[in-house]
C-alpha cells in the first residue's frame, strides 16, 4: 500500500526549517537550498510544496504571526490582574534571551527585510501590532487610561516601543536584561495609566 503523505504537515516541517535558518543565518541564509538541507529533503521535494522562495517565506511569515497571535490569546486568558497581564503579554512578545524557536525574533527579521524587498510592510497583518491594539482597547474598556489619552497616538507609540525593545533584545542576545526590559514597559504603561488601586505597575 503506498505511503500516505500529510502535505500540510510536510509544508509546516519545511516552514519550521526556514524559521530555524532565519534565526541562525538571517534572511541572507534563507535560500531554498539551505532550507531543503535543514529540512532533510531534496531541493526537488521542496519545490513540490513551494514553487518559489517567496512563496515559502510568505508561508513561514504567516506561521510566525499565527504563533504570536496564539500566544497573545493565551496570555489574555491568564488569570492575572489587568496590569500584570498586560506586562506579561507585552514581554512575552519580545525575543527570548535563550535559544529556541523565537517567533518574536523571526517576526522582526521579516519586518526588517521588507525594507529591501520592494514591498511596503503591512502592519495590519502584524501580530504584535494587533496585540498592542488589543492591549490599548482593553485598557480603555477597563477605564485604566488617563483622561484625554490620544488612543491612536498611544497605540502607535507602544507599537514603536515594542519594535525598539525587540530589536535591542535580538541584538543583545544572551547578554540582554529581561528585567530591565520589563521595567521599561512598566514605566511606559505607568505614564499613560491611571494610578492603580491594587499596587500593580
N, C-alpha and C. Protein backbone atom coordinates (compact mmCIF):
# COMPACT_ATOMS: atom_id res chain seq x y z
N UNK A 1 0.85 -1.19 0.00
CA UNK A 1 0.00 0.00 0.00
C UNK A 1 0.89 1.25 0.00
N UNK A 2 0.66 2.19 -0.91
CA UNK A 2 1.51 3.38 -0.96
C UNK A 2 1.41 4.19 0.33
N UNK A 3 2.54 4.77 0.71
CA UNK A 3 2.60 5.58 1.93
C UNK A 3 1.88 6.91 1.72
N UNK A 4 0.96 7.22 2.63
CA UNK A 4 0.22 8.47 2.55
C UNK A 4 1.05 9.60 3.16
N UNK A 5 1.09 10.73 2.49
CA UNK A 5 1.85 11.87 2.97
C UNK A 5 0.89 12.99 3.36
N UNK A 6 1.05 13.48 4.57
CA UNK A 6 0.26 14.63 5.03
C UNK A 6 0.94 15.89 4.48
N UNK A 7 0.40 16.41 3.38
CA UNK A 7 1.05 17.53 2.70
C UNK A 7 1.13 18.78 3.56
N UNK A 8 0.09 19.07 4.32
CA UNK A 8 0.12 20.26 5.17
C UNK A 8 1.17 20.12 6.26
N UNK A 9 1.30 18.91 6.81
CA UNK A 9 2.31 18.67 7.83
C UNK A 9 3.71 18.82 7.25
N UNK A 10 3.88 18.38 6.02
CA UNK A 10 5.19 18.50 5.36
C UNK A 10 5.53 19.97 5.10
N UNK A 11 4.52 20.75 4.70
CA UNK A 11 4.75 22.18 4.48
C UNK A 11 5.15 22.86 5.80
N UNK A 12 4.53 22.44 6.89
CA UNK A 12 4.87 23.01 8.19
C UNK A 12 6.30 22.65 8.57
N UNK A 13 6.70 21.42 8.29
CA UNK A 13 8.07 20.99 8.59
C UNK A 13 9.08 21.85 7.82
N UNK A 14 8.79 22.10 6.57
CA UNK A 14 9.69 22.92 5.74
C UNK A 14 9.72 24.35 6.25
N UNK A 15 8.56 24.89 6.62
CA UNK A 15 8.50 26.26 7.14
C UNK A 15 9.27 26.38 8.45
N UNK A 16 9.18 25.36 9.29
CA UNK A 16 9.95 25.39 10.54
C UNK A 16 11.44 25.33 10.27
N UNK A 17 11.82 24.62 9.23
CA UNK A 17 13.24 24.59 8.83
C UNK A 17 13.67 25.98 8.37
N UNK A 18 12.82 26.64 7.61
CA UNK A 18 13.12 28.01 7.16
C UNK A 18 13.24 28.94 8.37
N UNK A 19 12.36 28.75 9.32
CA UNK A 19 12.36 29.54 10.56
C UNK A 19 13.71 29.40 11.27
N UNK A 20 14.19 28.16 11.39
CA UNK A 20 15.47 27.92 12.06
C UNK A 20 16.62 28.58 11.32
N UNK A 21 16.59 28.50 10.01
CA UNK A 21 17.64 29.13 9.20
C UNK A 21 17.64 30.65 9.42
N UNK A 22 16.44 31.24 9.45
CA UNK A 22 16.33 32.68 9.67
C UNK A 22 16.97 33.09 10.99
N UNK A 23 16.74 32.31 12.03
CA UNK A 23 17.28 32.64 13.34
C UNK A 23 18.79 32.44 13.39
N UNK A 24 19.29 31.45 12.64
CA UNK A 24 20.73 31.16 12.67
C UNK A 24 21.53 32.05 11.72
N UNK A 25 20.97 32.32 10.53
CA UNK A 25 21.75 32.98 9.48
C UNK A 25 21.12 34.25 8.92
N UNK A 26 19.92 34.57 9.38
CA UNK A 26 19.25 35.74 8.85
C UNK A 26 18.66 35.48 7.48
N UNK A 27 18.06 36.51 6.90
CA UNK A 27 17.40 36.36 5.61
C UNK A 27 18.38 35.97 4.50
N UNK A 28 19.63 36.42 4.61
CA UNK A 28 20.60 36.12 3.56
C UNK A 28 20.93 34.63 3.49
N UNK A 29 20.68 33.91 4.58
CA UNK A 29 20.96 32.48 4.57
C UNK A 29 19.76 31.62 4.20
N UNK A 30 18.61 32.27 4.01
CA UNK A 30 17.36 31.53 3.78
C UNK A 30 17.15 31.19 2.30
N UNK A 31 18.16 30.57 1.70
CA UNK A 31 18.00 30.09 0.32
C UNK A 31 17.22 28.78 0.34
N UNK A 32 16.58 28.46 -0.77
CA UNK A 32 15.82 27.20 -0.81
C UNK A 32 16.75 26.02 -0.62
N UNK A 33 17.99 26.12 -1.09
CA UNK A 33 18.96 25.04 -0.93
C UNK A 33 19.28 24.80 0.55
N UNK A 34 19.53 25.89 1.29
CA UNK A 34 19.83 25.77 2.72
C UNK A 34 18.62 25.26 3.50
N UNK A 35 17.46 25.73 3.10
CA UNK A 35 16.23 25.30 3.80
C UNK A 35 15.96 23.83 3.54
N UNK A 36 16.15 23.39 2.30
CA UNK A 36 15.95 21.98 1.97
C UNK A 36 16.90 21.10 2.79
N UNK A 37 18.15 21.55 2.92
CA UNK A 37 19.13 20.80 3.70
C UNK A 37 18.72 20.72 5.17
N UNK A 38 18.26 21.85 5.71
CA UNK A 38 17.81 21.89 7.10
C UNK A 38 16.61 20.98 7.32
N UNK A 39 15.73 20.92 6.32
CA UNK A 39 14.52 20.10 6.43
C UNK A 39 14.80 18.62 6.14
N UNK A 40 15.98 18.33 5.62
CA UNK A 40 16.34 16.94 5.33
C UNK A 40 15.65 16.39 4.10
N UNK A 41 15.40 17.25 3.11
CA UNK A 41 14.74 16.81 1.88
C UNK A 41 15.53 17.33 0.69
N UNK A 42 15.23 16.82 -0.49
CA UNK A 42 15.89 17.28 -1.69
C UNK A 42 15.31 18.63 -2.13
N UNK A 43 16.07 19.32 -2.96
CA UNK A 43 15.60 20.59 -3.49
C UNK A 43 14.34 20.38 -4.33
N UNK A 44 14.31 19.28 -5.06
CA UNK A 44 13.14 18.97 -5.88
C UNK A 44 11.90 18.74 -5.03
N UNK A 45 12.08 18.07 -3.89
CA UNK A 45 10.95 17.81 -2.99
C UNK A 45 10.43 19.12 -2.41
N UNK A 46 11.35 20.01 -2.06
CA UNK A 46 10.92 21.30 -1.51
C UNK A 46 10.10 22.06 -2.55
N UNK A 47 10.55 22.04 -3.78
CA UNK A 47 9.85 22.79 -4.84
C UNK A 47 8.49 22.18 -5.17
N UNK A 48 8.28 20.94 -4.76
CA UNK A 48 6.97 20.33 -4.94
C UNK A 48 5.94 21.02 -4.05
N UNK A 49 6.39 21.42 -2.86
CA UNK A 49 5.49 22.07 -1.90
C UNK A 49 5.47 23.59 -2.05
N UNK A 50 6.61 24.17 -2.41
CA UNK A 50 6.72 25.62 -2.58
C UNK A 50 7.47 25.87 -3.88
N UNK A 51 6.78 26.43 -4.85
CA UNK A 51 7.40 26.60 -6.17
C UNK A 51 8.44 27.71 -6.18
N UNK A 52 8.34 28.67 -5.25
CA UNK A 52 9.31 29.77 -5.20
C UNK A 52 9.74 30.02 -3.76
N UNK A 53 10.89 30.66 -3.62
CA UNK A 53 11.38 31.05 -2.30
C UNK A 53 10.41 32.05 -1.66
N UNK A 54 9.87 32.95 -2.48
CA UNK A 54 8.93 33.95 -1.97
C UNK A 54 7.69 33.28 -1.37
N UNK A 55 7.19 32.27 -2.02
CA UNK A 55 6.02 31.55 -1.51
C UNK A 55 6.33 30.87 -0.18
N UNK A 56 7.51 30.26 -0.10
CA UNK A 56 7.91 29.59 1.14
C UNK A 56 8.08 30.58 2.29
N UNK A 57 8.72 31.70 2.01
CA UNK A 57 8.94 32.69 3.07
C UNK A 57 7.64 33.35 3.51
N UNK A 58 6.72 33.56 2.58
CA UNK A 58 5.41 34.12 2.94
C UNK A 58 4.65 33.16 3.85
N UNK A 59 4.73 31.88 3.53
CA UNK A 59 4.07 30.85 4.35
C UNK A 59 4.72 30.82 5.75
N UNK A 60 6.04 30.93 5.79
CA UNK A 60 6.75 30.91 7.07
C UNK A 60 6.40 32.13 7.91
N UNK A 61 6.30 33.28 7.26
CA UNK A 61 5.93 34.51 7.98
C UNK A 61 4.52 34.39 8.56
N UNK A 62 3.61 33.82 7.79
CA UNK A 62 2.25 33.59 8.30
C UNK A 62 2.28 32.69 9.52
N UNK A 63 3.15 31.67 9.48
CA UNK A 63 3.27 30.74 10.60
C UNK A 63 3.79 31.45 11.84
N UNK A 64 4.75 32.33 11.66
CA UNK A 64 5.31 33.10 12.77
C UNK A 64 4.23 33.97 13.40
N UNK A 65 3.45 34.66 12.58
CA UNK A 65 2.40 35.53 13.12
C UNK A 65 1.28 34.72 13.78
N UNK A 66 0.99 33.55 13.24
CA UNK A 66 -0.03 32.68 13.86
C UNK A 66 0.43 32.24 15.25
N UNK A 67 1.73 31.95 15.37
CA UNK A 67 2.30 31.55 16.66
C UNK A 67 2.17 32.68 17.67
N UNK A 68 2.48 33.90 17.25
CA UNK A 68 2.40 35.05 18.15
C UNK A 68 0.95 35.39 18.50
N UNK A 69 0.05 35.24 17.55
CA UNK A 69 -1.36 35.51 17.82
C UNK A 69 -1.91 34.51 18.83
N UNK A 70 -1.49 33.26 18.69
CA UNK A 70 -1.92 32.23 19.65
C UNK A 70 -1.37 32.53 21.04
N UNK A 71 -0.13 32.97 21.08
CA UNK A 71 0.49 33.34 22.36
C UNK A 71 -0.26 34.51 23.01
N UNK A 72 -0.64 35.48 22.20
CA UNK A 72 -1.39 36.63 22.70
C UNK A 72 -2.71 36.20 23.31
N UNK A 73 -3.41 35.31 22.61
CA UNK A 73 -4.70 34.82 23.10
C UNK A 73 -4.54 34.11 24.43
N UNK A 74 -3.51 33.28 24.55
CA UNK A 74 -3.27 32.54 25.80
C UNK A 74 -2.98 33.49 26.95
N UNK A 75 -2.19 34.51 26.69
CA UNK A 75 -1.84 35.45 27.74
C UNK A 75 -3.02 36.32 28.15
N UNK A 76 -3.88 36.65 27.20
CA UNK A 76 -5.08 37.42 27.52
C UNK A 76 -6.03 36.62 28.42
N UNK A 77 -5.97 35.31 28.31
CA UNK A 77 -6.86 34.45 29.10
C UNK A 77 -6.28 34.12 30.47
N UNK A 78 -5.05 34.56 30.73
CA UNK A 78 -4.43 34.26 32.02
C UNK A 78 -5.19 34.92 33.17
N UNK A 79 -5.26 34.22 34.27
CA UNK A 79 -5.98 34.71 35.45
C UNK A 79 -5.05 35.60 36.28
N UNK A 80 -4.89 36.83 35.82
CA UNK A 80 -3.99 37.79 36.46
C UNK A 80 -4.67 39.14 36.55
N UNK A 81 -4.23 40.01 37.47
CA UNK A 81 -4.75 41.38 37.48
C UNK A 81 -4.46 42.03 36.13
N UNK A 82 -5.32 42.94 35.69
CA UNK A 82 -5.17 43.53 34.34
C UNK A 82 -3.79 44.08 34.04
N UNK A 83 -3.23 44.86 34.99
CA UNK A 83 -1.94 45.47 34.72
C UNK A 83 -0.83 44.43 34.59
N UNK A 84 -0.86 43.44 35.45
CA UNK A 84 0.15 42.38 35.40
C UNK A 84 0.01 41.56 34.12
N UNK A 85 -1.23 41.35 33.71
CA UNK A 85 -1.49 40.60 32.49
C UNK A 85 -0.92 41.33 31.27
N UNK A 86 -1.13 42.65 31.23
CA UNK A 86 -0.63 43.45 30.11
C UNK A 86 0.90 43.40 30.06
N UNK A 87 1.54 43.54 31.20
CA UNK A 87 3.00 43.48 31.23
C UNK A 87 3.52 42.13 30.77
N UNK A 88 2.91 41.07 31.25
CA UNK A 88 3.34 39.72 30.88
C UNK A 88 3.11 39.48 29.39
N UNK A 89 1.98 39.96 28.88
CA UNK A 89 1.67 39.79 27.47
C UNK A 89 2.70 40.49 26.59
N UNK A 90 2.96 41.76 26.89
CA UNK A 90 3.90 42.52 26.07
C UNK A 90 5.31 41.94 26.14
N UNK A 91 5.74 41.57 27.34
CA UNK A 91 7.07 40.99 27.49
C UNK A 91 7.18 39.66 26.75
N UNK A 92 6.06 38.93 26.69
CA UNK A 92 6.04 37.63 26.01
C UNK A 92 6.11 37.73 24.50
N UNK A 93 5.95 38.95 23.97
CA UNK A 93 6.02 39.16 22.53
C UNK A 93 7.38 39.70 22.09
N UNK A 94 8.34 39.68 23.01
CA UNK A 94 9.70 40.13 22.70
C UNK A 94 10.63 38.92 22.59
N UNK A 95 11.72 39.05 21.83
CA UNK A 95 12.66 37.93 21.67
C UNK A 95 13.17 37.41 23.00
N UNK A 96 13.35 36.10 23.07
CA UNK A 96 13.86 35.47 24.28
C UNK A 96 15.38 35.56 24.29
N UNK A 97 15.94 35.50 25.50
CA UNK A 97 17.40 35.52 25.62
C UNK A 97 18.00 34.14 25.36
N UNK A 98 17.23 33.11 25.64
CA UNK A 98 17.73 31.76 25.41
C UNK A 98 17.53 31.33 23.98
N UNK A 99 17.95 30.09 23.69
CA UNK A 99 17.78 29.56 22.35
C UNK A 99 16.38 28.99 22.19
N UNK A 100 15.96 28.78 20.97
CA UNK A 100 14.64 28.23 20.72
C UNK A 100 14.02 28.85 19.50
N UNK A 101 12.83 28.39 19.18
CA UNK A 101 12.12 28.92 18.02
C UNK A 101 11.49 30.26 18.40
N UNK A 102 12.28 31.30 18.37
CA UNK A 102 11.81 32.61 18.81
C UNK A 102 10.97 33.28 17.73
N UNK A 103 9.67 33.19 17.88
CA UNK A 103 8.76 33.85 16.93
C UNK A 103 8.95 35.36 16.93
N UNK A 104 9.15 36.01 18.09
CA UNK A 104 9.35 37.46 18.06
C UNK A 104 10.57 37.87 17.24
N UNK A 105 11.64 37.10 17.34
CA UNK A 105 12.84 37.45 16.57
C UNK A 105 12.62 37.21 15.08
N UNK A 106 11.98 36.10 14.74
CA UNK A 106 11.69 35.80 13.34
C UNK A 106 10.79 36.88 12.74
N UNK A 107 9.81 37.33 13.51
CA UNK A 107 8.91 38.40 13.05
C UNK A 107 9.71 39.66 12.72
N UNK A 108 10.66 40.00 13.59
CA UNK A 108 11.45 41.20 13.37
C UNK A 108 12.34 41.06 12.13
N UNK A 109 12.87 39.88 11.89
CA UNK A 109 13.69 39.63 10.70
C UNK A 109 12.86 39.88 9.45
N UNK A 110 11.63 39.37 9.44
CA UNK A 110 10.75 39.60 8.28
C UNK A 110 10.44 41.08 8.12
N UNK A 111 10.21 41.76 9.23
CA UNK A 111 9.86 43.18 9.16
C UNK A 111 11.03 44.00 8.62
N UNK A 112 12.23 43.73 9.08
CA UNK A 112 13.41 44.44 8.61
C UNK A 112 13.68 44.15 7.13
N UNK A 113 13.40 42.92 6.73
CA UNK A 113 13.63 42.52 5.33
C UNK A 113 12.69 43.27 4.39
N UNK A 114 11.53 43.66 4.87
CA UNK A 114 10.55 44.33 4.00
C UNK A 114 11.11 45.61 3.40
N UNK A 115 12.05 46.24 4.10
CA UNK A 115 12.66 47.47 3.60
C UNK A 115 13.39 47.24 2.28
N UNK A 116 13.91 46.01 2.10
CA UNK A 116 14.71 45.71 0.92
C UNK A 116 13.99 44.82 -0.09
N UNK A 117 12.77 44.43 0.24
CA UNK A 117 12.05 43.51 -0.63
C UNK A 117 11.24 44.21 -1.71
N UNK A 118 11.12 45.54 -1.59
CA UNK A 118 10.33 46.28 -2.57
C UNK A 118 8.85 46.34 -2.23
N UNK A 119 8.47 45.75 -1.10
CA UNK A 119 7.07 45.76 -0.68
C UNK A 119 6.94 46.53 0.63
N UNK A 120 5.93 47.35 0.70
CA UNK A 120 5.68 48.10 1.94
C UNK A 120 5.23 47.12 3.03
N UNK A 121 5.69 47.36 4.25
CA UNK A 121 5.32 46.47 5.35
C UNK A 121 3.88 46.73 5.75
N UNK A 122 3.09 45.67 5.80
CA UNK A 122 1.68 45.78 6.16
C UNK A 122 1.52 45.53 7.65
N UNK A 123 1.50 46.59 8.43
CA UNK A 123 1.41 46.40 9.88
C UNK A 123 0.04 45.84 10.29
N UNK A 124 -0.95 45.96 9.41
CA UNK A 124 -2.27 45.44 9.73
C UNK A 124 -2.27 43.93 9.93
N UNK A 125 -1.31 43.25 9.32
CA UNK A 125 -1.23 41.79 9.50
C UNK A 125 -0.14 41.40 10.49
N UNK A 126 0.43 42.42 11.14
CA UNK A 126 1.48 42.19 12.13
C UNK A 126 0.83 41.78 13.45
N UNK A 127 1.15 40.60 13.93
CA UNK A 127 0.55 40.08 15.16
C UNK A 127 0.87 40.95 16.37
N UNK A 128 2.05 41.55 16.39
CA UNK A 128 2.40 42.41 17.53
C UNK A 128 1.58 43.70 17.50
N UNK A 129 1.38 44.26 16.32
CA UNK A 129 0.54 45.45 16.21
C UNK A 129 -0.89 45.13 16.66
N UNK A 130 -1.41 43.99 16.24
CA UNK A 130 -2.77 43.60 16.65
C UNK A 130 -2.84 43.39 18.16
N UNK A 131 -1.76 42.83 18.74
CA UNK A 131 -1.73 42.63 20.19
C UNK A 131 -1.71 43.97 20.91
N UNK A 132 -0.93 44.93 20.40
CA UNK A 132 -0.87 46.26 21.02
C UNK A 132 -2.24 46.93 20.94
N UNK A 133 -2.90 46.82 19.80
CA UNK A 133 -4.25 47.39 19.67
C UNK A 133 -5.20 46.77 20.69
N UNK A 134 -5.09 45.46 20.88
CA UNK A 134 -5.96 44.77 21.84
C UNK A 134 -5.66 45.22 23.26
N UNK A 135 -4.37 45.39 23.57
CA UNK A 135 -3.97 45.87 24.89
C UNK A 135 -4.56 47.25 25.16
N UNK A 136 -4.42 48.15 24.21
CA UNK A 136 -4.93 49.50 24.40
C UNK A 136 -6.45 49.51 24.51
N UNK A 137 -7.11 48.69 23.72
CA UNK A 137 -8.58 48.60 23.78
C UNK A 137 -9.03 48.09 25.15
N UNK A 138 -8.29 47.12 25.69
CA UNK A 138 -8.64 46.58 27.00
C UNK A 138 -8.41 47.61 28.10
N UNK A 139 -7.36 48.39 27.99
CA UNK A 139 -7.12 49.45 28.98
C UNK A 139 -8.23 50.49 28.95
N UNK A 140 -8.73 50.78 27.74
CA UNK A 140 -9.87 51.70 27.61
C UNK A 140 -11.12 51.09 28.23
N UNK A 141 -11.38 49.83 27.89
CA UNK A 141 -12.57 49.15 28.38
C UNK A 141 -12.59 49.07 29.90
N UNK A 142 -11.42 48.89 30.50
CA UNK A 142 -11.32 48.78 31.96
C UNK A 142 -11.14 50.13 32.63
N UNK A 143 -11.19 51.20 31.82
CA UNK A 143 -11.07 52.57 32.33
C UNK A 143 -9.75 52.78 33.09
N UNK A 144 -8.66 52.27 32.52
CA UNK A 144 -7.37 52.37 33.17
C UNK A 144 -6.46 53.44 32.56
N UNK A 145 -6.85 53.97 31.41
CA UNK A 145 -6.03 55.00 30.79
C UNK A 145 -6.35 56.38 31.38
N UNK A 146 -5.35 57.24 31.39
CA UNK A 146 -5.56 58.61 31.88
C UNK A 146 -6.57 59.33 30.99
N UNK A 147 -7.24 60.28 31.58
CA UNK A 147 -8.25 61.06 30.86
C UNK A 147 -7.61 61.79 29.69
N UNK A 148 -8.35 61.87 28.59
CA UNK A 148 -7.92 62.58 27.38
C UNK A 148 -6.71 61.95 26.68
N UNK A 149 -6.47 60.68 26.95
CA UNK A 149 -5.39 59.99 26.25
C UNK A 149 -5.73 59.88 24.76
N UNK A 150 -4.76 60.19 23.91
CA UNK A 150 -4.93 60.04 22.47
C UNK A 150 -4.68 58.57 22.14
N UNK A 151 -5.75 57.80 21.97
CA UNK A 151 -5.63 56.35 21.82
C UNK A 151 -4.81 55.97 20.58
N UNK A 152 -5.05 56.65 19.47
CA UNK A 152 -4.33 56.33 18.24
C UNK A 152 -2.83 56.60 18.40
N UNK A 153 -2.51 57.75 18.97
CA UNK A 153 -1.11 58.11 19.18
C UNK A 153 -0.43 57.13 20.13
N UNK A 154 -1.10 56.81 21.24
CA UNK A 154 -0.50 55.93 22.23
C UNK A 154 -0.38 54.49 21.72
N UNK A 155 -1.28 54.10 20.84
CA UNK A 155 -1.16 52.77 20.23
C UNK A 155 0.09 52.72 19.36
N UNK A 156 0.29 53.76 18.56
CA UNK A 156 1.48 53.83 17.70
C UNK A 156 2.75 53.93 18.54
N UNK A 157 2.68 54.66 19.65
CA UNK A 157 3.86 54.84 20.50
C UNK A 157 4.26 53.52 21.15
N UNK A 158 3.28 52.77 21.64
CA UNK A 158 3.58 51.48 22.26
C UNK A 158 4.09 50.49 21.23
N UNK A 159 3.52 50.54 20.04
CA UNK A 159 3.97 49.66 18.95
C UNK A 159 5.43 49.97 18.59
N UNK A 160 5.77 51.25 18.52
CA UNK A 160 7.14 51.65 18.24
C UNK A 160 8.09 51.21 19.35
N UNK A 161 7.63 51.34 20.59
CA UNK A 161 8.45 50.92 21.73
C UNK A 161 8.70 49.41 21.67
N UNK A 162 7.68 48.64 21.34
CA UNK A 162 7.82 47.19 21.23
C UNK A 162 8.85 46.82 20.17
N UNK A 163 8.81 47.50 19.03
CA UNK A 163 9.79 47.21 17.98
C UNK A 163 11.21 47.56 18.44
N UNK A 164 11.35 48.69 19.13
CA UNK A 164 12.66 49.09 19.62
C UNK A 164 13.21 48.11 20.65
N UNK A 165 12.36 47.68 21.57
CA UNK A 165 12.78 46.71 22.58
C UNK A 165 13.10 45.35 21.95
N UNK A 166 12.31 44.98 20.94
CA UNK A 166 12.54 43.71 20.25
C UNK A 166 13.90 43.72 19.55
N UNK A 167 14.20 44.81 18.86
CA UNK A 167 15.49 44.91 18.17
C UNK A 167 16.64 44.89 19.17
N UNK A 168 16.49 45.62 20.26
CA UNK A 168 17.52 45.65 21.29
C UNK A 168 17.74 44.27 21.89
N UNK A 169 16.65 43.55 22.19
CA UNK A 169 16.76 42.21 22.77
C UNK A 169 17.43 41.25 21.79
N UNK A 170 17.08 41.38 20.50
CA UNK A 170 17.65 40.50 19.49
C UNK A 170 19.15 40.74 19.36
N UNK A 171 19.57 42.00 19.39
CA UNK A 171 20.99 42.33 19.22
C UNK A 171 21.81 41.95 20.45
N UNK A 172 21.22 42.07 21.63
CA UNK A 172 21.96 41.75 22.85
C UNK A 172 22.05 40.26 23.11
N UNK A 173 21.06 39.50 22.63
CA UNK A 173 21.07 38.05 22.82
C UNK A 173 21.11 37.67 24.28
N UNK A 174 22.03 36.74 24.62
CA UNK A 174 22.12 36.22 25.99
C UNK A 174 22.55 37.29 26.98
N UNK A 175 23.11 38.40 26.49
CA UNK A 175 23.55 39.46 27.38
C UNK A 175 22.41 40.43 27.74
N UNK A 176 21.25 40.20 27.16
CA UNK A 176 20.11 41.07 27.43
C UNK A 176 19.63 40.97 28.86
N UNK A 177 18.85 41.95 29.26
CA UNK A 177 18.35 42.02 30.63
C UNK A 177 16.82 42.07 30.61
N UNK A 178 16.16 40.91 30.75
CA UNK A 178 14.69 40.87 30.71
C UNK A 178 14.03 41.76 31.76
N UNK A 179 14.65 41.85 32.93
CA UNK A 179 14.07 42.67 33.99
C UNK A 179 14.10 44.15 33.63
N UNK A 180 15.19 44.56 32.99
CA UNK A 180 15.27 45.96 32.56
C UNK A 180 14.24 46.24 31.48
N UNK A 181 14.06 45.30 30.57
CA UNK A 181 13.06 45.45 29.51
C UNK A 181 11.67 45.56 30.11
N UNK A 182 11.39 44.70 31.07
CA UNK A 182 10.09 44.75 31.75
C UNK A 182 9.91 46.09 32.46
N UNK A 183 10.99 46.59 33.04
CA UNK A 183 10.93 47.88 33.73
C UNK A 183 10.61 49.02 32.77
N UNK A 184 11.16 48.96 31.56
CA UNK A 184 10.87 49.99 30.55
C UNK A 184 9.39 49.94 30.17
N UNK A 185 8.87 48.74 29.96
CA UNK A 185 7.45 48.59 29.63
C UNK A 185 6.58 49.09 30.78
N UNK A 186 6.98 48.75 31.99
CA UNK A 186 6.20 49.15 33.16
C UNK A 186 6.18 50.67 33.30
N UNK A 187 7.32 51.31 33.08
CA UNK A 187 7.40 52.77 33.16
C UNK A 187 6.51 53.43 32.11
N UNK A 188 6.53 52.86 30.90
CA UNK A 188 5.70 53.42 29.83
C UNK A 188 4.21 53.29 30.18
N UNK A 189 3.82 52.14 30.66
CA UNK A 189 2.41 51.92 30.98
C UNK A 189 1.96 52.81 32.14
N UNK A 190 2.85 53.03 33.09
CA UNK A 190 2.54 53.93 34.20
C UNK A 190 2.26 55.34 33.69
N UNK A 191 3.00 55.74 32.68
CA UNK A 191 2.90 57.10 32.16
C UNK A 191 1.55 57.37 31.48
N UNK A 192 0.90 56.32 31.00
CA UNK A 192 -0.37 56.52 30.30
C UNK A 192 -1.57 56.02 31.08
N UNK A 193 -1.32 55.43 32.26
CA UNK A 193 -2.41 54.82 33.02
C UNK A 193 -2.76 55.60 34.27
N UNK A 194 -3.98 55.42 34.71
CA UNK A 194 -4.39 55.98 35.99
C UNK A 194 -3.65 55.24 37.10
N UNK A 195 -3.60 55.86 38.27
CA UNK A 195 -2.96 55.22 39.41
C UNK A 195 -3.74 53.97 39.78
N UNK A 196 -3.12 52.78 39.71
CA UNK A 196 -3.84 51.54 40.01
C UNK A 196 -4.17 51.43 41.49
N UNK A 197 -5.29 50.77 41.76
CA UNK A 197 -5.73 50.65 43.15
C UNK A 197 -5.05 49.49 43.86
N UNK A 198 -4.60 48.50 43.09
CA UNK A 198 -4.06 47.30 43.74
C UNK A 198 -2.55 47.29 43.87
N UNK A 199 -1.89 48.41 43.55
CA UNK A 199 -0.46 48.45 43.71
C UNK A 199 0.31 47.86 42.54
N UNK A 200 -0.36 47.44 41.49
CA UNK A 200 0.33 46.91 40.32
C UNK A 200 0.96 48.06 39.53
N UNK A 201 1.86 47.67 38.63
CA UNK A 201 2.70 48.61 37.90
C UNK A 201 3.72 49.18 38.87
